[in-house]
Amino acid sequence: MIDAQQALQRLRDGNERFASNVRSLDNLLSQTQRGQLAGARQQPFAIILGCSDSRAPAEMVFDQGLGDLFVIRVAGNIVAPSQVGSVEFAATEFGTRLVVVLGHTQCGAIQATLDDLQHPGSHSANIRSIVNRIRPAVESLVESGAGRDPGALVEAATRANVRASADHLRHGSAILEDLIAHDGLMVVGAEYDLETGQVDFFDGI
């Protein structure tokens, strides 16, 4: 298994291809290895905790093939016990040493949280369970008056939420803390731009 820095470079290279509208032939043909992969142990080189948004599929954004990434998708790239457990599983079972929390521009879950802060009670109980995970990371931005520029507020809130999720993974699990301290696990935060196709790794690098 490759180390965290090598995995990060592989993601950077893949995203550069994607943003340039180029695809790796090997990754495109990875589906032909379906049978071989089915009979072998998983070896994902990176764990991606990303948003469920249909416009931000991690395998495409990073131009990777079948079996390359262990992807966890949930609205707002939030961290709850099941997500922590999923990361723990991949890191311990497969030896994967890079975790990326991947947010993105124009995130509906971020906007729903900002709307709820301004108009409480406007969402169902189930959506509110997502909003409540995001709220602590963004409510101080609203209270500080950052909302005077709605676009800037959404951008700041998106990154604050990514940082909060990455920090939760770094400090909310004894297993992950130990792997970070003693076994080379790295947790980074990134934002995918829906318009340009580029990913900016901005946290934990």
N, C-alpha and C. Protein backbone atom coordinates (compact mmCIF):
# COMPACT_ATOMS: atom_id res chain seq x y z
N MET A 1 0.84 -1.20 0.00
CA MET A 1 0.00 0.00 0.00
C MET A 1 0.88 1.25 0.00
N ILE A 2 0.52 2.24 -0.79
CA ILE A 2 1.30 3.47 -0.87
C ILE A 2 1.03 4.35 0.34
N ASP A 3 1.99 5.23 0.67
CA ASP A 3 1.82 6.09 1.83
C ASP A 3 0.92 7.27 1.51
N ALA A 4 0.64 8.08 2.53
CA ALA A 4 -0.34 9.17 2.38
C ALA A 4 0.08 10.20 1.35
N GLN A 5 1.35 10.58 1.36
CA GLN A 5 1.81 11.61 0.41
C GLN A 5 1.75 11.11 -1.02
N GLN A 6 2.11 9.85 -1.24
CA GLN A 6 2.01 9.29 -2.58
C GLN A 6 0.56 9.21 -3.04
N ALA A 7 -0.32 8.84 -2.11
CA ALA A 7 -1.75 8.76 -2.43
C ALA A 7 -2.29 10.14 -2.77
N LEU A 8 -1.86 11.14 -2.02
CA LEU A 8 -2.32 12.51 -2.27
C LEU A 8 -1.86 12.97 -3.65
N GLN A 9 -0.64 12.67 -4.01
CA GLN A 9 -0.15 13.07 -5.34
C GLN A 9 -0.92 12.36 -6.44
N ARG A 10 -1.27 11.12 -6.19
CA ARG A 10 -2.06 10.37 -7.19
C ARG A 10 -3.43 11.02 -7.39
N LEU A 11 -4.03 11.49 -6.31
CA LEU A 11 -5.31 12.20 -6.42
C LEU A 11 -5.14 13.53 -7.15
N ARG A 12 -4.08 14.26 -6.83
CA ARG A 12 -3.82 15.54 -7.50
C ARG A 12 -3.66 15.33 -9.01
N ASP A 13 -2.88 14.32 -9.36
CA ASP A 13 -2.65 14.05 -10.78
C ASP A 13 -3.96 13.66 -11.48
N GLY A 14 -4.76 12.84 -10.81
CA GLY A 14 -6.03 12.43 -11.40
C GLY A 14 -6.98 13.60 -11.57
N ASN A 15 -7.03 14.48 -10.58
CA ASN A 15 -7.90 15.64 -10.70
C ASN A 15 -7.44 16.59 -11.79
N GLU A 16 -6.14 16.71 -11.95
CA GLU A 16 -5.62 17.56 -13.03
C GLU A 16 -6.07 17.03 -14.38
N ARG A 17 -6.05 15.71 -14.54
CA ARG A 17 -6.55 15.13 -15.79
C ARG A 17 -8.03 15.43 -15.97
N PHE A 18 -8.81 15.21 -14.90
CA PHE A 18 -10.25 15.43 -14.98
C PHE A 18 -10.58 16.87 -15.35
N ALA A 19 -9.93 17.82 -14.67
CA ALA A 19 -10.20 19.23 -14.92
C ALA A 19 -9.79 19.65 -16.33
N SER A 20 -8.87 18.88 -16.91
CA SER A 20 -8.41 19.17 -18.28
C SER A 20 -9.16 18.34 -19.32
N ASN A 21 -10.22 17.65 -18.86
CA ASN A 21 -11.05 16.82 -19.74
C ASN A 21 -10.26 15.69 -20.39
N VAL A 22 -9.33 15.12 -19.61
CA VAL A 22 -8.54 13.97 -20.05
C VAL A 22 -8.82 12.81 -19.10
N ARG A 23 -8.90 11.60 -19.64
CA ARG A 23 -9.11 10.44 -18.78
C ARG A 23 -7.99 9.44 -18.99
N SER A 24 -7.59 8.78 -17.91
CA SER A 24 -6.60 7.72 -17.99
C SER A 24 -7.22 6.49 -18.63
N LEU A 25 -6.56 5.94 -19.64
CA LEU A 25 -7.08 4.76 -20.32
C LEU A 25 -7.15 3.58 -19.35
N ASP A 26 -6.15 3.45 -18.48
CA ASP A 26 -6.14 2.36 -17.51
C ASP A 26 -7.37 2.43 -16.60
N ASN A 27 -7.71 3.63 -16.15
CA ASN A 27 -8.87 3.78 -15.28
C ASN A 27 -10.18 3.52 -16.02
N LEU A 28 -10.24 3.95 -17.27
CA LEU A 28 -11.43 3.70 -18.07
C LEU A 28 -11.66 2.20 -18.29
N LEU A 29 -10.56 1.47 -18.40
CA LEU A 29 -10.65 0.03 -18.68
C LEU A 29 -10.65 -0.81 -17.41
N SER A 30 -10.65 -0.16 -16.25
CA SER A 30 -10.57 -0.92 -14.99
C SER A 30 -11.75 -1.86 -14.80
N GLN A 31 -12.88 -1.56 -15.45
CA GLN A 31 -14.05 -2.43 -15.31
C GLN A 31 -13.77 -3.83 -15.87
N THR A 32 -12.79 -3.94 -16.75
CA THR A 32 -12.46 -5.26 -17.31
C THR A 32 -11.78 -6.15 -16.28
N GLN A 33 -11.37 -5.56 -15.15
CA GLN A 33 -10.73 -6.31 -14.07
C GLN A 33 -11.72 -6.70 -12.99
N ARG A 34 -13.00 -6.57 -13.29
CA ARG A 34 -14.05 -6.83 -12.30
C ARG A 34 -13.88 -8.19 -11.64
N GLY A 35 -13.71 -9.23 -12.44
CA GLY A 35 -13.60 -10.57 -11.90
C GLY A 35 -12.37 -10.75 -11.04
N GLN A 36 -11.26 -10.18 -11.49
CA GLN A 36 -10.01 -10.26 -10.72
C GLN A 36 -10.15 -9.55 -9.38
N LEU A 37 -10.77 -8.38 -9.39
CA LEU A 37 -10.95 -7.61 -8.16
C LEU A 37 -11.91 -8.30 -7.20
N ALA A 38 -12.92 -8.95 -7.75
CA ALA A 38 -13.91 -9.62 -6.91
C ALA A 38 -13.29 -10.75 -6.09
N GLY A 39 -12.25 -11.36 -6.64
CA GLY A 39 -11.64 -12.48 -5.95
C GLY A 39 -10.43 -12.12 -5.11
N ALA A 40 -10.17 -10.84 -4.98
CA ALA A 40 -8.98 -10.38 -4.24
C ALA A 40 -9.38 -9.45 -3.11
N ARG A 41 -8.45 -9.26 -2.20
CA ARG A 41 -8.67 -8.33 -1.09
C ARG A 41 -8.66 -6.90 -1.62
N GLN A 42 -9.55 -6.07 -1.09
CA GLN A 42 -9.56 -4.67 -1.49
C GLN A 42 -8.23 -3.99 -1.18
N GLN A 43 -7.82 -3.06 -2.05
CA GLN A 43 -6.61 -2.29 -1.81
C GLN A 43 -6.81 -0.83 -2.21
N PRO A 44 -7.85 -0.17 -1.68
CA PRO A 44 -8.04 1.25 -2.03
C PRO A 44 -6.89 2.09 -1.50
N PHE A 45 -6.38 3.00 -2.33
CA PHE A 45 -5.24 3.79 -1.89
C PHE A 45 -5.65 5.06 -1.15
N ALA A 46 -6.94 5.41 -1.20
CA ALA A 46 -7.42 6.58 -0.47
C ALA A 46 -8.86 6.36 -0.04
N ILE A 47 -9.21 6.98 1.09
CA ILE A 47 -10.57 6.98 1.61
C ILE A 47 -11.13 8.38 1.37
N ILE A 48 -12.29 8.46 0.72
CA ILE A 48 -12.90 9.76 0.44
C ILE A 48 -14.23 9.84 1.16
N LEU A 49 -14.36 10.82 2.05
CA LEU A 49 -15.65 11.13 2.67
C LEU A 49 -16.18 12.35 1.94
N GLY A 50 -17.14 12.13 1.04
CA GLY A 50 -17.63 13.22 0.21
C GLY A 50 -19.13 13.41 0.33
N CYS A 51 -19.60 14.40 -0.38
CA CYS A 51 -21.03 14.73 -0.38
C CYS A 51 -21.77 13.84 -1.37
N SER A 52 -23.06 13.65 -1.14
CA SER A 52 -23.89 12.82 -2.01
C SER A 52 -24.26 13.51 -3.32
N ASP A 53 -23.93 14.78 -3.46
CA ASP A 53 -24.30 15.56 -4.65
C ASP A 53 -23.94 14.79 -5.93
N SER A 54 -24.91 14.66 -6.83
CA SER A 54 -24.71 13.88 -8.05
C SER A 54 -23.66 14.46 -8.98
N ARG A 55 -23.29 15.73 -8.74
CA ARG A 55 -22.31 16.39 -9.60
C ARG A 55 -20.88 16.22 -9.09
N ALA A 56 -20.71 15.47 -7.99
CA ALA A 56 -19.38 15.36 -7.38
C ALA A 56 -18.98 13.93 -7.05
N PRO A 57 -19.02 13.02 -8.04
CA PRO A 57 -18.60 11.64 -7.77
C PRO A 57 -17.08 11.55 -7.67
N ALA A 58 -16.59 11.06 -6.57
CA ALA A 58 -15.14 11.08 -6.30
C ALA A 58 -14.33 10.32 -7.34
N GLU A 59 -14.82 9.16 -7.77
CA GLU A 59 -14.05 8.39 -8.75
C GLU A 59 -13.82 9.18 -10.03
N MET A 60 -14.79 9.95 -10.45
CA MET A 60 -14.63 10.74 -11.67
C MET A 60 -13.79 11.98 -11.41
N VAL A 61 -14.06 12.66 -10.30
CA VAL A 61 -13.34 13.89 -9.97
C VAL A 61 -11.84 13.65 -9.88
N PHE A 62 -11.46 12.47 -9.39
CA PHE A 62 -10.04 12.14 -9.25
C PHE A 62 -9.55 11.19 -10.34
N ASP A 63 -10.39 10.93 -11.34
CA ASP A 63 -10.03 10.06 -12.46
C ASP A 63 -9.41 8.76 -11.98
N GLN A 64 -10.16 8.02 -11.20
CA GLN A 64 -9.70 6.73 -10.68
C GLN A 64 -10.62 5.62 -11.14
N GLY A 65 -10.13 4.41 -11.05
CA GLY A 65 -10.87 3.28 -11.56
C GLY A 65 -11.46 2.40 -10.49
N LEU A 66 -12.00 1.29 -10.92
CA LEU A 66 -12.63 0.32 -10.03
C LEU A 66 -11.60 -0.20 -9.03
N GLY A 67 -11.94 -0.13 -7.75
CA GLY A 67 -11.07 -0.65 -6.71
C GLY A 67 -10.04 0.33 -6.17
N ASP A 68 -9.99 1.55 -6.71
CA ASP A 68 -8.96 2.50 -6.28
C ASP A 68 -9.32 3.28 -5.02
N LEU A 69 -10.60 3.61 -4.87
CA LEU A 69 -11.02 4.49 -3.77
C LEU A 69 -12.08 3.81 -2.90
N PHE A 70 -11.99 4.07 -1.60
CA PHE A 70 -13.03 3.66 -0.65
C PHE A 70 -13.85 4.92 -0.38
N VAL A 71 -15.06 4.97 -0.95
CA VAL A 71 -15.83 6.22 -0.96
C VAL A 71 -17.03 6.13 -0.03
N ILE A 72 -17.15 7.13 0.83
CA ILE A 72 -18.28 7.27 1.74
C ILE A 72 -18.98 8.56 1.34
N ARG A 73 -20.25 8.48 0.97
CA ARG A 73 -20.96 9.68 0.53
C ARG A 73 -22.19 9.93 1.40
N VAL A 74 -22.31 11.16 1.85
CA VAL A 74 -23.44 11.56 2.67
C VAL A 74 -23.65 13.06 2.46
N ALA A 75 -24.89 13.50 2.46
CA ALA A 75 -25.18 14.92 2.22
C ALA A 75 -24.37 15.79 3.17
N GLY A 76 -23.68 16.77 2.62
CA GLY A 76 -22.92 17.72 3.42
C GLY A 76 -21.60 17.17 3.95
N ASN A 77 -21.16 16.00 3.43
CA ASN A 77 -19.93 15.35 3.92
C ASN A 77 -19.79 15.46 5.43
N ILE A 78 -20.90 15.16 6.12
CA ILE A 78 -20.92 15.24 7.58
C ILE A 78 -20.25 14.01 8.19
N VAL A 79 -19.89 14.12 9.44
CA VAL A 79 -19.29 13.00 10.17
C VAL A 79 -20.21 12.61 11.32
N ALA A 80 -20.75 11.40 11.24
CA ALA A 80 -21.55 10.80 12.30
C ALA A 80 -20.89 9.45 12.62
N PRO A 81 -21.32 8.74 13.66
CA PRO A 81 -20.66 7.48 14.03
C PRO A 81 -20.48 6.49 12.89
N SER A 82 -21.47 6.38 12.02
CA SER A 82 -21.34 5.41 10.92
C SER A 82 -20.24 5.80 9.95
N GLN A 83 -20.06 7.10 9.73
CA GLN A 83 -18.97 7.53 8.85
C GLN A 83 -17.61 7.30 9.50
N VAL A 84 -17.50 7.60 10.79
CA VAL A 84 -16.25 7.34 11.51
C VAL A 84 -15.92 5.85 11.45
N GLY A 85 -16.92 5.02 11.69
CA GLY A 85 -16.71 3.58 11.64
C GLY A 85 -16.28 3.11 10.27
N SER A 86 -16.83 3.70 9.22
CA SER A 86 -16.44 3.33 7.86
C SER A 86 -14.98 3.67 7.59
N VAL A 87 -14.56 4.85 8.05
CA VAL A 87 -13.16 5.25 7.88
C VAL A 87 -12.25 4.33 8.69
N GLU A 88 -12.64 4.04 9.94
CA GLU A 88 -11.86 3.11 10.76
C GLU A 88 -11.71 1.76 10.07
N PHE A 89 -12.79 1.28 9.50
CA PHE A 89 -12.77 -0.03 8.84
C PHE A 89 -11.76 -0.06 7.71
N ALA A 90 -11.83 0.94 6.82
CA ALA A 90 -10.92 0.95 5.67
C ALA A 90 -9.47 1.14 6.10
N ALA A 91 -9.25 1.99 7.08
CA ALA A 91 -7.88 2.27 7.53
C ALA A 91 -7.25 1.06 8.21
N THR A 92 -8.05 0.32 8.97
CA THR A 92 -7.49 -0.84 9.69
C THR A 92 -7.47 -2.10 8.83
N GLU A 93 -8.52 -2.33 8.05
CA GLU A 93 -8.62 -3.56 7.27
C GLU A 93 -7.74 -3.56 6.03
N PHE A 94 -7.62 -2.39 5.38
CA PHE A 94 -6.93 -2.33 4.10
C PHE A 94 -5.60 -1.58 4.16
N GLY A 95 -5.30 -0.97 5.30
CA GLY A 95 -4.05 -0.24 5.43
C GLY A 95 -4.02 1.08 4.67
N THR A 96 -5.16 1.58 4.27
CA THR A 96 -5.22 2.85 3.53
C THR A 96 -4.79 3.98 4.44
N ARG A 97 -3.89 4.83 3.94
CA ARG A 97 -3.28 5.82 4.82
C ARG A 97 -3.62 7.27 4.48
N LEU A 98 -4.55 7.48 3.56
CA LEU A 98 -5.00 8.85 3.26
C LEU A 98 -6.52 8.91 3.34
N VAL A 99 -7.00 9.88 4.12
CA VAL A 99 -8.44 10.17 4.20
C VAL A 99 -8.64 11.60 3.71
N VAL A 100 -9.56 11.78 2.77
CA VAL A 100 -9.89 13.10 2.25
C VAL A 100 -11.35 13.41 2.54
N VAL A 101 -11.60 14.51 3.25
CA VAL A 101 -12.96 15.02 3.41
C VAL A 101 -13.17 15.99 2.25
N LEU A 102 -14.09 15.65 1.36
CA LEU A 102 -14.28 16.41 0.13
C LEU A 102 -15.61 17.15 0.11
N GLY A 103 -15.54 18.46 0.31
CA GLY A 103 -16.71 19.31 0.14
C GLY A 103 -16.75 19.82 -1.29
N HIS A 104 -17.74 20.64 -1.59
CA HIS A 104 -17.81 21.19 -2.95
C HIS A 104 -18.59 22.49 -2.96
N THR A 105 -18.40 23.26 -4.00
CA THR A 105 -19.12 24.52 -4.16
C THR A 105 -20.60 24.24 -4.41
N GLN A 106 -21.43 25.23 -4.10
CA GLN A 106 -22.88 25.15 -4.32
C GLN A 106 -23.52 23.94 -3.64
N CYS A 107 -23.08 23.67 -2.41
CA CYS A 107 -23.58 22.50 -1.68
C CYS A 107 -24.97 22.77 -1.11
N GLY A 108 -25.91 21.92 -1.45
CA GLY A 108 -27.28 22.09 -0.98
C GLY A 108 -27.42 21.93 0.52
N ALA A 109 -26.62 21.04 1.12
CA ALA A 109 -26.71 20.83 2.57
C ALA A 109 -26.20 22.06 3.32
N ILE A 110 -25.18 22.70 2.79
CA ILE A 110 -24.68 23.94 3.41
C ILE A 110 -25.74 25.02 3.31
N GLN A 111 -26.36 25.16 2.14
CA GLN A 111 -27.39 26.18 1.96
C GLN A 111 -28.59 25.90 2.86
N ALA A 112 -28.95 24.61 3.00
CA ALA A 112 -30.07 24.25 3.87
C ALA A 112 -29.78 24.64 5.32
N THR A 113 -28.53 24.48 5.74
CA THR A 113 -28.14 24.85 7.10
C THR A 113 -28.22 26.35 7.30
N LEU A 114 -27.71 27.10 6.34
CA LEU A 114 -27.77 28.56 6.42
C LEU A 114 -29.23 29.04 6.42
N ASP A 115 -30.06 28.41 5.61
CA ASP A 115 -31.49 28.77 5.58
C ASP A 115 -32.13 28.48 6.92
N ASP A 116 -31.76 27.35 7.54
CA ASP A 116 -32.35 26.97 8.82
C ASP A 116 -31.94 27.93 9.93
N LEU A 117 -30.72 28.43 9.85
CA LEU A 117 -30.26 29.40 10.85
C LEU A 117 -31.04 30.70 10.75
N GLN A 118 -31.45 31.03 9.54
CA GLN A 118 -32.18 32.29 9.33
C GLN A 118 -33.69 32.11 9.44
N HIS A 119 -34.16 30.87 9.15
CA HIS A 119 -35.60 30.57 9.22
C HIS A 119 -35.79 29.21 9.89
N PRO A 120 -35.65 29.15 11.20
CA PRO A 120 -35.71 27.87 11.92
C PRO A 120 -37.00 27.09 11.67
N GLY A 121 -36.85 25.76 11.63
CA GLY A 121 -38.01 24.90 11.51
C GLY A 121 -38.52 24.70 10.11
N SER A 122 -37.71 25.04 9.10
CA SER A 122 -38.17 24.96 7.72
C SER A 122 -37.88 23.61 7.07
N HIS A 123 -37.31 22.66 7.82
CA HIS A 123 -36.96 21.37 7.24
C HIS A 123 -37.54 20.22 8.05
N SER A 124 -37.60 19.04 7.42
CA SER A 124 -38.10 17.85 8.10
C SER A 124 -37.11 17.42 9.18
N ALA A 125 -37.57 16.54 10.05
CA ALA A 125 -36.71 16.05 11.14
C ALA A 125 -35.48 15.33 10.60
N ASN A 126 -35.64 14.61 9.50
CA ASN A 126 -34.52 13.86 8.94
C ASN A 126 -33.48 14.79 8.31
N ILE A 127 -33.96 15.79 7.58
CA ILE A 127 -33.02 16.77 7.02
C ILE A 127 -32.36 17.56 8.15
N ARG A 128 -33.14 17.82 9.19
CA ARG A 128 -32.59 18.56 10.32
C ARG A 128 -31.44 17.79 10.99
N SER A 129 -31.47 16.47 10.93
CA SER A 129 -30.38 15.69 11.52
C SER A 129 -29.06 15.96 10.78
N ILE A 130 -29.15 16.24 9.50
CA ILE A 130 -27.96 16.62 8.73
C ILE A 130 -27.58 18.05 9.05
N VAL A 131 -28.56 18.93 9.03
CA VAL A 131 -28.33 20.35 9.33
C VAL A 131 -27.67 20.52 10.69
N ASN A 132 -28.13 19.75 11.67
CA ASN A 132 -27.59 19.89 13.02
C ASN A 132 -26.13 19.45 13.12
N ARG A 133 -25.69 18.59 12.21
CA ARG A 133 -24.27 18.20 12.17
C ARG A 133 -23.42 19.33 11.60
N ILE A 134 -23.99 20.09 10.68
CA ILE A 134 -23.25 21.17 10.02
C ILE A 134 -23.30 22.46 10.83
N ARG A 135 -24.41 22.68 11.53
CA ARG A 135 -24.67 23.94 12.22
C ARG A 135 -23.50 24.46 13.08
N PRO A 136 -22.88 23.65 13.94
CA PRO A 136 -21.82 24.20 14.81
C PRO A 136 -20.65 24.82 14.04
N ALA A 137 -20.40 24.31 12.85
CA ALA A 137 -19.26 24.81 12.07
C ALA A 137 -19.55 26.13 11.39
N VAL A 138 -20.85 26.44 11.20
CA VAL A 138 -21.17 27.62 10.38
C VAL A 138 -21.94 28.72 11.11
N GLU A 139 -22.54 28.42 12.25
CA GLU A 139 -23.40 29.43 12.86
C GLU A 139 -22.64 30.66 13.32
N SER A 140 -21.37 30.49 13.71
CA SER A 140 -20.58 31.66 14.13
C SER A 140 -20.34 32.60 12.96
N LEU A 141 -20.30 32.05 11.74
CA LEU A 141 -20.12 32.90 10.56
C LEU A 141 -21.34 33.79 10.36
N VAL A 142 -22.52 33.22 10.57
CA VAL A 142 -23.75 34.00 10.43
C VAL A 142 -23.83 35.06 11.52
N GLU A 143 -23.49 34.66 12.74
CA GLU A 143 -23.55 35.60 13.86
C GLU A 143 -22.56 36.74 13.73
N SER A 144 -21.45 36.50 13.03
CA SER A 144 -20.42 37.54 12.88
C SER A 144 -20.77 38.56 11.81
N GLY A 145 -21.85 38.32 11.08
CA GLY A 145 -22.26 39.27 10.05
C GLY A 145 -21.73 38.93 8.68
N ALA A 146 -21.10 37.77 8.53
CA ALA A 146 -20.56 37.37 7.23
C ALA A 146 -21.66 37.21 6.19
N GLY A 147 -22.90 37.05 6.64
CA GLY A 147 -24.01 36.85 5.73
C GLY A 147 -24.37 38.05 4.88
N ARG A 148 -23.71 39.16 5.12
CA ARG A 148 -23.99 40.34 4.29
C ARG A 148 -23.61 40.10 2.84
N ASP A 149 -22.69 39.19 2.61
CA ASP A 149 -22.33 38.78 1.25
C ASP A 149 -22.68 37.30 1.14
N PRO A 150 -23.86 36.97 0.61
CA PRO A 150 -24.33 35.58 0.59
C PRO A 150 -23.35 34.62 -0.07
N GLY A 151 -22.74 35.02 -1.17
CA GLY A 151 -21.80 34.14 -1.85
C GLY A 151 -20.58 33.83 -1.00
N ALA A 152 -20.06 34.86 -0.36
CA ALA A 152 -18.89 34.67 0.50
C ALA A 152 -19.24 33.82 1.71
N LEU A 153 -20.46 33.98 2.21
CA LEU A 153 -20.90 33.20 3.36
C LEU A 153 -20.95 31.71 3.02
N VAL A 154 -21.53 31.37 1.88
CA VAL A 154 -21.62 29.97 1.47
C VAL A 154 -20.22 29.38 1.29
N GLU A 155 -19.33 30.15 0.68
CA GLU A 155 -17.96 29.67 0.48
C GLU A 155 -17.26 29.43 1.81
N ALA A 156 -17.38 30.39 2.72
CA ALA A 156 -16.74 30.24 4.03
C ALA A 156 -17.36 29.09 4.82
N ALA A 157 -18.67 28.94 4.72
CA ALA A 157 -19.36 27.88 5.44
C ALA A 157 -18.97 26.50 4.92
N THR A 158 -18.82 26.39 3.61
CA THR A 158 -18.41 25.12 3.01
C THR A 158 -17.06 24.67 3.55
N ARG A 159 -16.12 25.60 3.58
CA ARG A 159 -14.77 25.26 4.05
C ARG A 159 -14.75 25.03 5.56
N ALA A 160 -15.53 25.79 6.29
CA ALA A 160 -15.60 25.58 7.74
C ALA A 160 -16.15 24.20 8.05
N ASN A 161 -17.13 23.76 7.27
CA ASN A 161 -17.72 22.45 7.48
C ASN A 161 -16.73 21.33 7.14
N VAL A 162 -15.96 21.51 6.08
CA VAL A 162 -14.93 20.52 5.73
C VAL A 162 -13.91 20.42 6.86
N ARG A 163 -13.46 21.58 7.35
CA ARG A 163 -12.47 21.59 8.44
C ARG A 163 -13.03 20.87 9.68
N ALA A 164 -14.30 21.14 9.99
CA ALA A 164 -14.91 20.52 11.17
C ALA A 164 -14.99 19.01 11.01
N SER A 165 -15.36 18.54 9.83
CA SER A 165 -15.46 17.09 9.59
C SER A 165 -14.09 16.43 9.66
N ALA A 166 -13.08 17.07 9.06
CA ALA A 166 -11.73 16.53 9.10
C ALA A 166 -11.21 16.48 10.54
N ASP A 167 -11.49 17.54 11.29
CA ASP A 167 -11.04 17.59 12.68
C ASP A 167 -11.73 16.52 13.52
N HIS A 168 -13.00 16.29 13.23
CA HIS A 168 -13.75 15.23 13.94
C HIS A 168 -13.09 13.87 13.71
N LEU A 169 -12.70 13.61 12.47
CA LEU A 169 -12.05 12.34 12.18
C LEU A 169 -10.69 12.24 12.87
N ARG A 170 -9.97 13.35 12.94
CA ARG A 170 -8.64 13.34 13.57
C ARG A 170 -8.72 13.13 15.08
N HIS A 171 -9.80 13.63 15.71
CA HIS A 171 -9.85 13.64 17.17
C HIS A 171 -11.07 12.94 17.76
N GLY A 172 -11.91 12.34 16.92
CA GLY A 172 -13.12 11.71 17.43
C GLY A 172 -13.08 10.20 17.45
N SER A 173 -11.88 9.65 17.25
CA SER A 173 -11.74 8.19 17.21
C SER A 173 -10.38 7.81 17.76
N ALA A 174 -10.36 6.99 18.79
CA ALA A 174 -9.08 6.54 19.35
C ALA A 174 -8.29 5.74 18.33
N ILE A 175 -8.98 4.98 17.50
CA ILE A 175 -8.31 4.18 16.48
C ILE A 175 -7.61 5.08 15.47
N LEU A 176 -8.33 6.08 14.96
CA LEU A 176 -7.74 6.97 13.97
C LEU A 176 -6.64 7.84 14.59
N GLU A 177 -6.84 8.28 15.81
CA GLU A 177 -5.80 9.07 16.50
C GLU A 177 -4.50 8.27 16.59
N ASP A 178 -4.62 7.00 16.92
CA ASP A 178 -3.43 6.16 17.05
C ASP A 178 -2.75 5.96 15.69
N LEU A 179 -3.54 5.76 14.65
CA LEU A 179 -2.97 5.58 13.32
C LEU A 179 -2.29 6.85 12.83
N ILE A 180 -2.86 8.01 13.17
CA ILE A 180 -2.25 9.28 12.81
C ILE A 180 -0.92 9.47 13.55
N ALA A 181 -0.93 9.15 14.83
CA ALA A 181 0.25 9.38 15.66
C ALA A 181 1.38 8.40 15.36
N HIS A 182 1.04 7.16 15.01
CA HIS A 182 2.07 6.13 14.95
C HIS A 182 2.18 5.37 13.63
N ASP A 183 1.24 5.56 12.71
CA ASP A 183 1.27 4.70 11.53
C ASP A 183 1.02 5.43 10.22
N GLY A 184 1.25 6.74 10.19
CA GLY A 184 1.25 7.46 8.92
C GLY A 184 -0.09 7.82 8.34
N LEU A 185 -1.19 7.66 9.09
CA LEU A 185 -2.49 8.07 8.56
C LEU A 185 -2.55 9.59 8.47
N MET A 186 -3.12 10.08 7.38
CA MET A 186 -3.23 11.52 7.15
C MET A 186 -4.67 11.85 6.79
N VAL A 187 -5.24 12.86 7.43
CA VAL A 187 -6.60 13.31 7.14
C VAL A 187 -6.52 14.73 6.61
N VAL A 188 -7.00 14.95 5.40
CA VAL A 188 -6.95 16.27 4.79
C VAL A 188 -8.34 16.71 4.36
N GLY A 189 -8.52 18.02 4.23
CA GLY A 189 -9.78 18.58 3.77
C GLY A 189 -9.59 19.23 2.41
N ALA A 190 -10.61 19.11 1.56
CA ALA A 190 -10.52 19.64 0.20
C ALA A 190 -11.88 20.14 -0.26
N GLU A 191 -11.85 21.00 -1.27
CA GLU A 191 -13.09 21.50 -1.87
C GLU A 191 -13.03 21.33 -3.37
N TYR A 192 -14.09 20.76 -3.92
CA TYR A 192 -14.22 20.57 -5.37
C TYR A 192 -15.06 21.69 -5.95
N ASP A 193 -14.55 22.33 -7.00
CA ASP A 193 -15.26 23.41 -7.67
C ASP A 193 -16.07 22.81 -8.82
N LEU A 194 -17.39 22.90 -8.73
CA LEU A 194 -18.26 22.30 -9.73
C LEU A 194 -18.03 22.88 -11.12
N GLU A 195 -17.66 24.15 -11.18
CA GLU A 195 -17.52 24.81 -12.48
C GLU A 195 -16.18 24.50 -13.15
N THR A 196 -15.10 24.55 -12.39
CA THR A 196 -13.78 24.35 -12.99
C THR A 196 -13.34 22.90 -13.00
N GLY A 197 -13.93 22.09 -12.11
CA GLY A 197 -13.52 20.70 -11.99
C GLY A 197 -12.29 20.51 -11.12
N GLN A 198 -11.77 21.58 -10.55
CA GLN A 198 -10.54 21.50 -9.77
C GLN A 198 -10.81 21.27 -8.29
N VAL A 199 -9.93 20.51 -7.67
CA VAL A 199 -10.00 20.26 -6.24
C VAL A 199 -8.87 21.02 -5.54
N ASP A 200 -9.23 21.77 -4.51
CA ASP A 200 -8.25 22.52 -3.72
C ASP A 200 -8.09 21.83 -2.37
N PHE A 201 -6.91 21.27 -2.14
CA PHE A 201 -6.61 20.67 -0.84
C PHE A 201 -6.13 21.79 0.06
N PHE A 202 -6.92 22.15 1.06
CA PHE A 202 -6.62 23.36 1.83
C PHE A 202 -6.47 23.13 3.33
N ASP A 203 -6.73 21.91 3.80
CA ASP A 203 -6.70 21.66 5.25
C ASP A 203 -5.90 20.40 5.55
N GLY A 204 -4.98 20.51 6.49
CA GLY A 204 -4.24 19.33 6.93
C GLY A 204 -3.07 18.95 6.06
N ILE A 205 -2.71 19.80 5.12
CA ILE A 205 -1.58 19.51 4.22
C ILE A 205 -0.26 19.89 4.88
